[in-house]
C-alpha cells in the first residue's frame, strides 16, 4: 500500500474532505495526515486567517460575503499548493472544507484540480443530532439554521447538499463510522484501490 500511495502522490497533491457539518472532516483529516505523513489544513482556518473573521461571523453578515471569502481563501490556498509543487517543495495535503462548500461551485472546482474529493456521508438524523448537541454546548444554532423551523431547514439543506456531494465525489465513505482512524484507513484503502 505504501508503494501505491507514493505512486498516487505524483498524480495529485492531496485529499479534499467534503460533507455536512459534524461529519468528522476535521478529525478524519487529522487522522489521515498522521497516517500519510501529510499536512492537514482546515479551510475554515484559512478563511479566518485571510479575512480576520470566523466563517460564522462572516455568514452572520451575509451568506454572499461568506461565500466570496470562502472562494478567495480557496483560490489562495490552491495557488500556494501549486507554487510549492512547482518548486518541488510541496507536501501531501489533507484539506477539510466547510459543510456548505458544495454551494460554492467555483471553490469546489479549484479543489478538484489538486486532489481527490472524498465525501463523508452522514444520515440526516445523525447530522441533526450532532448539530443540536453542539448547539447545547455553544448556546446557539449555526446562522444558516436560524429559521422558523430549524429541523426542517436542516433536513431540506442536508438532502440537497448530500445529493450534490454524491455526484461530485471521487470516493464516498460512511461517516457513521465512529473512529476517525477507522475512517482514515478506509479512505486510504479506497484510494489505493483506484490506482492502476
N, C-alpha and C. Protein backbone atom coordinates (compact mmCIF):
# COMPACT_ATOMS: atom_id res chain seq x y z
N UNK A 1 0.83 -1.20 0.00
CA UNK A 1 0.00 0.00 0.00
C UNK A 1 0.87 1.25 0.00
N UNK A 2 2.02 1.22 0.67
CA UNK A 2 2.90 2.39 0.69
C UNK A 2 3.37 2.75 -0.71
N UNK A 3 3.69 1.74 -1.53
CA UNK A 3 4.12 2.00 -2.90
C UNK A 3 2.99 2.62 -3.71
N UNK A 4 1.79 2.14 -3.49
CA UNK A 4 0.64 2.67 -4.22
C UNK A 4 0.42 4.14 -3.85
N UNK A 5 0.49 4.44 -2.55
CA UNK A 5 0.29 5.83 -2.14
C UNK A 5 1.39 6.71 -2.70
N UNK A 6 2.62 6.21 -2.73
CA UNK A 6 3.73 7.00 -3.28
C UNK A 6 3.48 7.29 -4.76
N UNK A 7 2.98 6.30 -5.48
CA UNK A 7 2.68 6.50 -6.90
C UNK A 7 1.56 7.51 -7.06
N UNK A 8 0.60 7.45 -6.19
CA UNK A 8 -0.54 8.34 -6.31
C UNK A 8 -0.15 9.78 -6.01
N UNK A 9 0.77 9.97 -5.08
CA UNK A 9 1.17 11.32 -4.71
C UNK A 9 1.74 12.08 -5.90
N UNK A 10 2.29 11.37 -6.89
CA UNK A 10 2.82 12.03 -8.08
C UNK A 10 1.70 12.57 -8.95
N UNK A 11 0.52 11.97 -8.85
CA UNK A 11 -0.60 12.33 -9.71
C UNK A 11 -1.49 13.41 -9.11
N UNK A 12 -1.51 13.54 -7.83
CA UNK A 12 -2.31 14.58 -7.21
C UNK A 12 -1.66 15.01 -5.90
N UNK A 13 -2.14 16.13 -5.40
CA UNK A 13 -1.46 16.78 -4.28
C UNK A 13 -2.16 16.59 -2.95
N UNK A 14 -3.32 15.90 -2.96
CA UNK A 14 -3.98 15.74 -1.68
C UNK A 14 -5.36 15.11 -1.72
N UNK A 15 -5.95 15.10 -0.55
CA UNK A 15 -7.30 14.58 -0.34
C UNK A 15 -8.15 15.72 0.19
N UNK A 16 -9.29 15.96 -0.44
CA UNK A 16 -10.19 17.01 -0.01
C UNK A 16 -11.42 16.35 0.60
N UNK A 17 -11.66 16.65 1.86
CA UNK A 17 -12.80 16.07 2.58
C UNK A 17 -13.98 17.02 2.53
N UNK A 18 -15.11 16.51 2.05
CA UNK A 18 -16.34 17.29 1.99
C UNK A 18 -17.44 16.51 2.70
N UNK A 19 -18.48 17.23 3.09
CA UNK A 19 -19.59 16.59 3.76
C UNK A 19 -20.28 17.56 4.69
N UNK A 20 -21.39 17.13 5.29
CA UNK A 20 -22.16 18.03 6.14
C UNK A 20 -21.43 18.41 7.42
N UNK A 21 -21.93 19.43 8.03
CA UNK A 21 -21.42 19.88 9.33
C UNK A 21 -21.46 18.71 10.31
N UNK A 22 -20.39 18.56 11.06
CA UNK A 22 -20.25 17.50 12.08
C UNK A 22 -20.17 16.09 11.49
N UNK A 23 -19.69 15.97 10.25
CA UNK A 23 -19.49 14.63 9.67
C UNK A 23 -18.11 14.06 10.00
N UNK A 24 -17.28 14.85 10.66
CA UNK A 24 -15.97 14.36 11.07
C UNK A 24 -14.85 14.71 10.11
N UNK A 25 -15.02 15.77 9.35
CA UNK A 25 -13.99 16.14 8.36
C UNK A 25 -12.67 16.51 9.03
N UNK A 26 -12.74 17.27 10.11
CA UNK A 26 -11.52 17.70 10.79
C UNK A 26 -10.82 16.53 11.47
N UNK A 27 -11.57 15.74 12.23
CA UNK A 27 -10.95 14.60 12.94
C UNK A 27 -10.42 13.57 11.95
N UNK A 28 -11.17 13.33 10.88
CA UNK A 28 -10.71 12.39 9.85
C UNK A 28 -9.48 12.94 9.14
N UNK A 29 -9.50 14.23 8.85
CA UNK A 29 -8.36 14.86 8.19
C UNK A 29 -7.08 14.76 9.00
N UNK A 30 -7.20 14.98 10.29
CA UNK A 30 -6.01 14.88 11.16
C UNK A 30 -5.52 13.44 11.22
N UNK A 31 -6.45 12.49 11.27
CA UNK A 31 -6.06 11.08 11.28
C UNK A 31 -5.38 10.70 9.97
N UNK A 32 -5.89 11.21 8.84
CA UNK A 32 -5.27 10.95 7.54
C UNK A 32 -3.87 11.56 7.47
N UNK A 33 -3.73 12.77 7.99
CA UNK A 33 -2.42 13.43 7.99
C UNK A 33 -1.40 12.60 8.77
N UNK A 34 -1.82 12.05 9.89
CA UNK A 34 -0.92 11.19 10.68
C UNK A 34 -0.59 9.91 9.93
N UNK A 35 -1.58 9.31 9.31
CA UNK A 35 -1.42 8.05 8.61
C UNK A 35 -0.53 8.19 7.38
N UNK A 36 -0.65 9.31 6.67
CA UNK A 36 0.05 9.51 5.40
C UNK A 36 1.24 10.47 5.51
N UNK A 37 1.53 10.90 6.74
CA UNK A 37 2.59 11.91 6.94
C UNK A 37 2.33 13.13 6.07
N UNK A 38 1.08 13.56 6.05
CA UNK A 38 0.69 14.71 5.24
C UNK A 38 0.49 15.94 6.10
N UNK A 39 0.12 17.02 5.44
CA UNK A 39 -0.14 18.30 6.11
C UNK A 39 -1.64 18.53 6.13
N UNK A 40 -2.19 18.71 7.32
CA UNK A 40 -3.63 18.95 7.46
C UNK A 40 -3.93 20.44 7.39
N UNK A 41 -4.94 20.79 6.60
CA UNK A 41 -5.39 22.19 6.51
C UNK A 41 -6.90 22.22 6.67
N UNK A 42 -7.37 23.06 7.57
CA UNK A 42 -8.81 23.28 7.73
C UNK A 42 -9.14 24.57 6.97
N UNK A 43 -9.99 24.47 5.96
CA UNK A 43 -10.32 25.63 5.15
C UNK A 43 -10.94 26.75 5.98
N UNK A 44 -11.66 26.40 7.04
CA UNK A 44 -12.21 27.43 7.93
C UNK A 44 -11.10 28.26 8.56
N UNK A 45 -9.98 27.62 8.89
CA UNK A 45 -8.83 28.35 9.44
C UNK A 45 -8.22 29.29 8.41
N UNK A 46 -8.19 28.83 7.15
CA UNK A 46 -7.67 29.67 6.07
C UNK A 46 -8.56 30.90 5.87
N UNK A 47 -9.86 30.70 5.96
CA UNK A 47 -10.82 31.80 5.83
C UNK A 47 -10.59 32.82 6.95
N UNK A 48 -10.45 32.33 8.17
CA UNK A 48 -10.22 33.22 9.31
C UNK A 48 -8.89 33.96 9.19
N UNK A 49 -7.88 33.27 8.70
CA UNK A 49 -6.55 33.86 8.53
C UNK A 49 -6.59 35.00 7.51
N UNK A 50 -7.27 34.78 6.38
CA UNK A 50 -7.29 35.79 5.33
C UNK A 50 -8.27 36.93 5.57
N UNK A 51 -9.34 36.65 6.31
CA UNK A 51 -10.37 37.68 6.49
C UNK A 51 -10.31 38.35 7.87
N UNK A 52 -9.68 37.67 8.83
CA UNK A 52 -9.66 38.19 10.19
C UNK A 52 -10.96 37.92 10.93
N UNK A 53 -11.85 37.12 10.32
CA UNK A 53 -13.13 36.78 10.95
C UNK A 53 -13.41 35.29 10.80
N UNK A 54 -14.15 34.75 11.74
CA UNK A 54 -14.53 33.35 11.63
C UNK A 54 -15.58 33.19 10.52
N UNK A 55 -15.69 31.98 9.95
CA UNK A 55 -16.76 31.76 8.98
C UNK A 55 -18.14 32.10 9.53
N UNK A 56 -18.38 31.78 10.79
CA UNK A 56 -19.69 32.07 11.38
C UNK A 56 -19.95 33.57 11.43
N UNK A 57 -18.92 34.34 11.78
CA UNK A 57 -19.07 35.80 11.83
C UNK A 57 -19.33 36.37 10.44
N UNK A 58 -18.64 35.84 9.44
CA UNK A 58 -18.86 36.29 8.06
C UNK A 58 -20.27 35.96 7.60
N UNK A 59 -20.73 34.75 7.93
CA UNK A 59 -22.06 34.32 7.49
C UNK A 59 -23.14 35.17 8.16
N UNK A 60 -22.90 35.57 9.41
CA UNK A 60 -23.88 36.43 10.09
C UNK A 60 -24.07 37.74 9.33
N UNK A 61 -22.99 38.23 8.72
CA UNK A 61 -23.08 39.48 7.95
C UNK A 61 -23.87 39.25 6.66
N UNK A 62 -23.52 38.17 5.94
CA UNK A 62 -24.31 37.76 4.78
C UNK A 62 -23.73 36.49 4.20
N UNK A 63 -24.60 35.67 3.65
CA UNK A 63 -24.17 34.42 3.02
C UNK A 63 -23.27 34.73 1.83
N UNK A 64 -23.57 35.81 1.11
CA UNK A 64 -22.79 36.19 -0.07
C UNK A 64 -21.36 36.55 0.32
N UNK A 65 -21.22 37.32 1.42
CA UNK A 65 -19.89 37.71 1.88
C UNK A 65 -19.09 36.46 2.28
N UNK A 66 -19.75 35.55 2.98
CA UNK A 66 -19.05 34.33 3.38
C UNK A 66 -18.59 33.53 2.16
N UNK A 67 -19.48 33.31 1.19
CA UNK A 67 -19.12 32.52 0.01
C UNK A 67 -17.99 33.18 -0.79
N UNK A 68 -18.03 34.51 -0.90
CA UNK A 68 -16.96 35.22 -1.62
C UNK A 68 -15.63 35.05 -0.90
N UNK A 69 -15.65 35.13 0.41
CA UNK A 69 -14.43 34.97 1.21
C UNK A 69 -13.93 33.53 1.15
N UNK A 70 -14.86 32.59 1.18
CA UNK A 70 -14.51 31.17 1.06
C UNK A 70 -13.83 30.90 -0.27
N UNK A 71 -14.38 31.47 -1.35
CA UNK A 71 -13.80 31.28 -2.68
C UNK A 71 -12.41 31.89 -2.76
N UNK A 72 -12.24 33.10 -2.26
CA UNK A 72 -10.94 33.76 -2.32
C UNK A 72 -9.90 33.00 -1.49
N UNK A 73 -10.30 32.52 -0.31
CA UNK A 73 -9.38 31.75 0.54
C UNK A 73 -9.00 30.44 -0.13
N UNK A 74 -9.96 29.81 -0.80
CA UNK A 74 -9.68 28.57 -1.54
C UNK A 74 -8.72 28.84 -2.68
N UNK A 75 -8.95 29.93 -3.41
CA UNK A 75 -8.08 30.29 -4.53
C UNK A 75 -6.63 30.49 -4.04
N UNK A 76 -6.48 31.22 -2.94
CA UNK A 76 -5.13 31.48 -2.40
C UNK A 76 -4.46 30.19 -1.95
N UNK A 77 -5.23 29.30 -1.33
CA UNK A 77 -4.69 28.03 -0.88
C UNK A 77 -4.24 27.17 -2.06
N UNK A 78 -5.06 27.07 -3.07
CA UNK A 78 -4.72 26.25 -4.25
C UNK A 78 -3.50 26.84 -4.96
N UNK A 79 -3.43 28.15 -5.07
CA UNK A 79 -2.26 28.79 -5.69
C UNK A 79 -0.99 28.47 -4.91
N UNK A 80 -1.09 28.55 -3.59
CA UNK A 80 0.07 28.27 -2.74
C UNK A 80 0.54 26.82 -2.91
N UNK A 81 -0.41 25.89 -2.93
CA UNK A 81 -0.07 24.48 -3.09
C UNK A 81 0.57 24.24 -4.46
N UNK A 82 0.01 24.85 -5.50
CA UNK A 82 0.57 24.68 -6.85
C UNK A 82 1.98 25.26 -6.95
N UNK A 83 2.21 26.41 -6.36
CA UNK A 83 3.56 27.02 -6.37
C UNK A 83 4.54 26.11 -5.65
N UNK A 84 4.15 25.59 -4.49
CA UNK A 84 5.03 24.70 -3.73
C UNK A 84 5.39 23.47 -4.54
N UNK A 85 4.42 22.91 -5.22
CA UNK A 85 4.69 21.71 -6.01
C UNK A 85 5.55 21.99 -7.23
N UNK A 86 5.39 23.15 -7.85
CA UNK A 86 6.24 23.52 -8.99
C UNK A 86 7.69 23.67 -8.56
N UNK A 87 7.87 24.13 -7.33
CA UNK A 87 9.23 24.31 -6.81
C UNK A 87 9.78 23.01 -6.22
N UNK A 88 8.97 21.96 -6.22
CA UNK A 88 9.40 20.69 -5.64
C UNK A 88 9.36 20.67 -4.13
N UNK A 89 8.65 21.63 -3.54
CA UNK A 89 8.61 21.74 -2.08
C UNK A 89 7.28 21.25 -1.50
N UNK A 90 6.37 20.83 -2.38
CA UNK A 90 5.02 20.55 -1.94
C UNK A 90 4.89 19.33 -1.06
N UNK A 91 4.07 19.47 -0.03
CA UNK A 91 3.72 18.36 0.83
C UNK A 91 2.47 17.68 0.26
N UNK A 92 2.09 16.58 0.87
CA UNK A 92 0.82 15.94 0.54
C UNK A 92 -0.22 16.52 1.50
N UNK A 93 -1.28 17.10 0.96
CA UNK A 93 -2.24 17.84 1.78
C UNK A 93 -3.53 17.07 1.99
N UNK A 94 -4.07 17.25 3.19
CA UNK A 94 -5.42 16.79 3.50
C UNK A 94 -6.18 18.03 3.90
N UNK A 95 -7.23 18.36 3.14
CA UNK A 95 -7.96 19.61 3.34
C UNK A 95 -9.38 19.30 3.79
N UNK A 96 -9.77 19.85 4.93
CA UNK A 96 -11.15 19.73 5.41
C UNK A 96 -11.88 21.01 5.03
N UNK A 97 -13.01 20.86 4.36
CA UNK A 97 -13.79 22.01 3.92
C UNK A 97 -14.97 22.25 4.84
N UNK A 98 -15.64 23.39 4.63
CA UNK A 98 -16.86 23.67 5.37
C UNK A 98 -18.01 22.85 4.81
N UNK A 99 -19.03 22.63 5.62
CA UNK A 99 -20.14 21.77 5.23
C UNK A 99 -20.91 22.23 4.02
N UNK A 100 -20.88 23.55 3.73
CA UNK A 100 -21.66 24.07 2.62
C UNK A 100 -20.87 24.42 1.39
N UNK A 101 -19.63 23.95 1.30
CA UNK A 101 -18.81 24.33 0.14
C UNK A 101 -19.41 23.85 -1.17
N UNK A 102 -20.28 22.88 -1.12
CA UNK A 102 -20.95 22.41 -2.35
C UNK A 102 -21.80 23.52 -2.97
N UNK A 103 -22.17 24.51 -2.17
CA UNK A 103 -22.92 25.66 -2.67
C UNK A 103 -22.00 26.74 -3.24
N UNK A 104 -20.72 26.42 -3.33
CA UNK A 104 -19.72 27.34 -3.88
C UNK A 104 -18.99 26.60 -5.01
N UNK A 105 -19.66 26.42 -6.17
CA UNK A 105 -19.11 25.56 -7.22
C UNK A 105 -17.72 25.95 -7.72
N UNK A 106 -17.41 27.24 -7.73
CA UNK A 106 -16.07 27.66 -8.18
C UNK A 106 -15.00 27.15 -7.21
N UNK A 107 -15.29 27.21 -5.92
CA UNK A 107 -14.34 26.72 -4.92
C UNK A 107 -14.16 25.21 -5.05
N UNK A 108 -15.25 24.49 -5.28
CA UNK A 108 -15.18 23.04 -5.47
C UNK A 108 -14.31 22.70 -6.68
N UNK A 109 -14.50 23.42 -7.78
CA UNK A 109 -13.72 23.15 -8.99
C UNK A 109 -12.24 23.39 -8.76
N UNK A 110 -11.90 24.43 -8.02
CA UNK A 110 -10.50 24.69 -7.70
C UNK A 110 -9.90 23.53 -6.90
N UNK A 111 -10.64 23.06 -5.91
CA UNK A 111 -10.14 21.97 -5.06
C UNK A 111 -10.00 20.67 -5.84
N UNK A 112 -10.92 20.43 -6.75
CA UNK A 112 -10.85 19.19 -7.55
C UNK A 112 -9.60 19.15 -8.43
N UNK A 113 -9.05 20.32 -8.73
CA UNK A 113 -7.84 20.37 -9.55
C UNK A 113 -6.60 19.87 -8.82
N UNK A 114 -6.66 19.87 -7.49
CA UNK A 114 -5.46 19.49 -6.73
C UNK A 114 -5.60 18.19 -5.96
N UNK A 115 -6.76 17.56 -6.00
CA UNK A 115 -6.86 16.33 -5.22
C UNK A 115 -8.12 15.54 -5.45
N UNK A 116 -8.21 14.47 -4.69
CA UNK A 116 -9.35 13.56 -4.73
C UNK A 116 -10.40 14.03 -3.73
N UNK A 117 -11.64 14.15 -4.21
CA UNK A 117 -12.74 14.60 -3.37
C UNK A 117 -13.36 13.40 -2.66
N UNK A 118 -13.31 13.42 -1.33
CA UNK A 118 -13.88 12.34 -0.52
C UNK A 118 -15.08 12.89 0.25
N UNK A 119 -16.24 12.30 0.00
CA UNK A 119 -17.47 12.71 0.66
C UNK A 119 -17.71 11.85 1.89
N UNK A 120 -17.77 12.50 3.06
CA UNK A 120 -18.10 11.80 4.31
C UNK A 120 -19.63 11.86 4.44
N UNK A 121 -20.26 10.77 4.12
CA UNK A 121 -21.72 10.68 4.06
C UNK A 121 -22.29 10.38 5.44
N UNK A 122 -23.21 11.22 5.85
CA UNK A 122 -23.81 11.12 7.18
C UNK A 122 -25.32 11.22 7.02
N UNK A 123 -26.06 10.42 7.79
CA UNK A 123 -27.52 10.48 7.69
C UNK A 123 -28.03 11.83 8.19
N UNK A 124 -29.20 12.20 7.71
CA UNK A 124 -29.83 13.46 8.14
C UNK A 124 -30.02 13.47 9.64
N UNK A 125 -30.48 12.34 10.19
CA UNK A 125 -30.75 12.27 11.62
C UNK A 125 -29.48 12.43 12.45
N UNK A 126 -28.43 11.72 12.08
CA UNK A 126 -27.17 11.82 12.83
C UNK A 126 -26.62 13.24 12.75
N UNK A 127 -26.66 13.83 11.56
CA UNK A 127 -26.17 15.19 11.39
C UNK A 127 -26.95 16.16 12.27
N UNK A 128 -28.27 16.03 12.28
CA UNK A 128 -29.10 16.92 13.10
C UNK A 128 -28.82 16.71 14.59
N UNK A 129 -28.72 15.46 15.00
CA UNK A 129 -28.43 15.18 16.42
C UNK A 129 -27.12 15.83 16.85
N UNK A 130 -26.11 15.78 15.99
CA UNK A 130 -24.82 16.37 16.32
C UNK A 130 -24.89 17.89 16.35
N UNK A 131 -25.66 18.48 15.46
CA UNK A 131 -25.84 19.93 15.45
C UNK A 131 -26.53 20.39 16.73
N UNK A 132 -27.56 19.66 17.14
CA UNK A 132 -28.29 20.00 18.37
C UNK A 132 -27.37 19.88 19.58
N UNK A 133 -26.58 18.82 19.61
CA UNK A 133 -25.65 18.62 20.73
C UNK A 133 -24.63 19.75 20.80
N UNK A 134 -24.11 20.16 19.65
CA UNK A 134 -23.15 21.26 19.61
C UNK A 134 -23.82 22.57 20.04
N UNK A 135 -25.07 22.76 19.62
CA UNK A 135 -25.80 23.98 19.99
C UNK A 135 -26.06 24.05 21.49
N UNK A 136 -26.23 22.90 22.11
CA UNK A 136 -26.40 22.88 23.56
C UNK A 136 -25.14 23.36 24.26
N UNK A 137 -23.98 23.04 23.66
CA UNK A 137 -22.70 23.49 24.24
C UNK A 137 -22.46 24.97 24.00
N UNK A 138 -22.74 25.43 22.78
CA UNK A 138 -22.42 26.82 22.40
C UNK A 138 -23.53 27.80 22.73
N UNK A 139 -24.75 27.28 22.87
CA UNK A 139 -25.88 28.16 23.17
C UNK A 139 -26.60 28.69 21.94
N UNK A 140 -26.18 28.27 20.74
CA UNK A 140 -26.87 28.73 19.53
C UNK A 140 -26.68 27.77 18.36
N UNK A 141 -27.68 27.75 17.50
CA UNK A 141 -27.58 27.00 16.26
C UNK A 141 -26.73 27.79 15.26
N UNK A 142 -26.16 27.12 14.26
CA UNK A 142 -25.43 27.84 13.22
C UNK A 142 -26.36 28.86 12.55
N UNK A 143 -25.81 29.97 12.06
CA UNK A 143 -26.65 31.03 11.47
C UNK A 143 -27.58 30.56 10.36
N UNK A 144 -27.13 29.59 9.54
CA UNK A 144 -27.96 29.15 8.42
C UNK A 144 -29.18 28.35 8.88
N UNK A 145 -29.24 28.01 10.17
CA UNK A 145 -30.40 27.28 10.69
C UNK A 145 -31.30 28.14 11.57
N UNK A 146 -31.05 29.43 11.59
CA UNK A 146 -31.89 30.32 12.39
C UNK A 146 -33.12 30.71 11.58
N UNK A 147 -34.05 29.75 11.50
CA UNK A 147 -35.29 29.93 10.76
C UNK A 147 -36.46 29.56 11.67
N UNK A 148 -37.67 29.67 11.15
CA UNK A 148 -38.85 29.32 11.94
C UNK A 148 -38.87 27.84 12.29
N UNK A 149 -38.36 27.00 11.41
CA UNK A 149 -38.34 25.56 11.65
C UNK A 149 -36.93 25.03 11.33
N UNK A 150 -35.99 25.15 12.28
CA UNK A 150 -34.60 24.75 12.02
C UNK A 150 -34.44 23.29 11.59
N UNK A 151 -35.22 22.39 12.18
CA UNK A 151 -35.10 20.97 11.84
C UNK A 151 -35.47 20.72 10.38
N UNK A 152 -36.54 21.36 9.92
CA UNK A 152 -36.96 21.19 8.53
C UNK A 152 -35.99 21.88 7.57
N UNK A 153 -35.51 23.04 7.96
CA UNK A 153 -34.49 23.74 7.16
C UNK A 153 -33.27 22.85 6.99
N UNK A 154 -32.86 22.24 8.10
CA UNK A 154 -31.70 21.35 8.05
C UNK A 154 -31.97 20.15 7.15
N UNK A 155 -33.13 19.53 7.31
CA UNK A 155 -33.44 18.34 6.52
C UNK A 155 -33.36 18.62 5.01
N UNK A 156 -33.99 19.70 4.61
CA UNK A 156 -34.00 20.04 3.18
C UNK A 156 -32.60 20.37 2.67
N UNK A 157 -31.86 21.13 3.46
CA UNK A 157 -30.49 21.51 3.08
C UNK A 157 -29.58 20.28 3.03
N UNK A 158 -29.71 19.44 4.04
CA UNK A 158 -28.87 18.23 4.12
C UNK A 158 -29.13 17.31 2.93
N UNK A 159 -30.38 17.09 2.61
CA UNK A 159 -30.72 16.20 1.49
C UNK A 159 -30.22 16.76 0.16
N UNK A 160 -30.39 18.07 -0.05
CA UNK A 160 -29.95 18.68 -1.30
C UNK A 160 -28.42 18.62 -1.42
N UNK A 161 -27.74 19.01 -0.35
CA UNK A 161 -26.27 19.02 -0.40
C UNK A 161 -25.70 17.62 -0.52
N UNK A 162 -26.27 16.67 0.20
CA UNK A 162 -25.76 15.29 0.13
C UNK A 162 -25.87 14.74 -1.28
N UNK A 163 -26.98 15.02 -1.95
CA UNK A 163 -27.16 14.56 -3.33
C UNK A 163 -26.09 15.19 -4.23
N UNK A 164 -25.81 16.47 -4.02
CA UNK A 164 -24.79 17.15 -4.82
C UNK A 164 -23.40 16.59 -4.54
N UNK A 165 -23.09 16.35 -3.27
CA UNK A 165 -21.78 15.78 -2.92
C UNK A 165 -21.59 14.40 -3.54
N UNK A 166 -22.64 13.60 -3.55
CA UNK A 166 -22.55 12.26 -4.14
C UNK A 166 -22.17 12.33 -5.62
N UNK A 167 -22.71 13.33 -6.33
CA UNK A 167 -22.40 13.48 -7.75
C UNK A 167 -20.95 13.95 -7.97
N UNK A 168 -20.46 14.78 -7.08
CA UNK A 168 -19.14 15.37 -7.25
C UNK A 168 -17.99 14.49 -6.76
N UNK A 169 -18.27 13.65 -5.76
CA UNK A 169 -17.20 12.93 -5.05
C UNK A 169 -16.54 11.86 -5.90
N UNK A 170 -15.23 11.72 -5.71
CA UNK A 170 -14.48 10.62 -6.30
C UNK A 170 -14.67 9.36 -5.46
N UNK A 171 -14.81 9.56 -4.15
CA UNK A 171 -14.96 8.47 -3.19
C UNK A 171 -16.01 8.87 -2.16
N UNK A 172 -16.86 7.92 -1.78
CA UNK A 172 -17.86 8.15 -0.73
C UNK A 172 -17.57 7.20 0.41
N UNK A 173 -17.57 7.75 1.63
CA UNK A 173 -17.31 6.91 2.80
C UNK A 173 -18.41 7.13 3.84
N UNK A 174 -18.72 6.09 4.56
CA UNK A 174 -19.75 6.15 5.60
C UNK A 174 -19.18 6.88 6.82
N UNK A 175 -19.67 8.09 7.07
CA UNK A 175 -19.18 8.87 8.20
C UNK A 175 -19.83 8.47 9.52
N UNK A 176 -20.69 7.44 9.48
CA UNK A 176 -21.26 6.93 10.73
C UNK A 176 -20.21 6.12 11.49
N UNK A 177 -19.13 5.74 10.80
CA UNK A 177 -18.02 5.05 11.49
C UNK A 177 -17.49 5.99 12.55
N UNK A 178 -17.47 5.53 13.80
CA UNK A 178 -17.17 6.43 14.91
C UNK A 178 -15.72 6.90 14.97
N UNK A 179 -14.79 6.03 14.67
CA UNK A 179 -13.39 6.35 14.88
C UNK A 179 -12.78 7.08 13.69
N UNK A 180 -12.19 8.26 13.91
CA UNK A 180 -11.51 8.97 12.82
C UNK A 180 -10.41 8.12 12.18
N UNK A 181 -9.73 7.33 13.00
CA UNK A 181 -8.66 6.46 12.49
C UNK A 181 -9.23 5.40 11.55
N UNK A 182 -10.38 4.84 11.91
CA UNK A 182 -11.03 3.85 11.04
C UNK A 182 -11.45 4.47 9.72
N UNK A 183 -12.02 5.69 9.80
CA UNK A 183 -12.42 6.39 8.58
C UNK A 183 -11.20 6.66 7.71
N UNK A 184 -10.10 7.08 8.34
CA UNK A 184 -8.88 7.38 7.59
C UNK A 184 -8.35 6.13 6.89
N UNK A 185 -8.33 5.02 7.58
CA UNK A 185 -7.84 3.76 6.99
C UNK A 185 -8.72 3.34 5.81
N UNK A 186 -10.03 3.51 5.96
CA UNK A 186 -10.95 3.16 4.88
C UNK A 186 -10.71 4.04 3.66
N UNK A 187 -10.47 5.32 3.87
CA UNK A 187 -10.19 6.24 2.76
C UNK A 187 -8.92 5.83 2.04
N UNK A 188 -7.86 5.54 2.79
CA UNK A 188 -6.59 5.12 2.18
C UNK A 188 -6.80 3.84 1.37
N UNK A 189 -7.56 2.91 1.93
CA UNK A 189 -7.85 1.65 1.23
C UNK A 189 -8.57 1.91 -0.10
N UNK A 190 -9.59 2.76 -0.05
CA UNK A 190 -10.38 3.04 -1.26
C UNK A 190 -9.56 3.80 -2.29
N UNK A 191 -8.75 4.74 -1.86
CA UNK A 191 -7.93 5.50 -2.79
C UNK A 191 -6.87 4.58 -3.40
N UNK A 192 -6.27 3.74 -2.60
CA UNK A 192 -5.24 2.82 -3.10
C UNK A 192 -5.81 1.90 -4.17
N UNK A 193 -7.04 1.48 -4.00
CA UNK A 193 -7.68 0.59 -4.98
C UNK A 193 -7.98 1.29 -6.31
N UNK A 194 -7.98 2.63 -6.29
CA UNK A 194 -8.26 3.38 -7.52
C UNK A 194 -7.00 3.58 -8.36
N UNK A 195 -5.84 3.28 -7.79
CA UNK A 195 -4.58 3.49 -8.52
C UNK A 195 -4.33 2.29 -9.43
N UNK A 196 -4.07 2.55 -10.72
CA UNK A 196 -3.85 1.44 -11.66
C UNK A 196 -2.61 0.63 -11.31
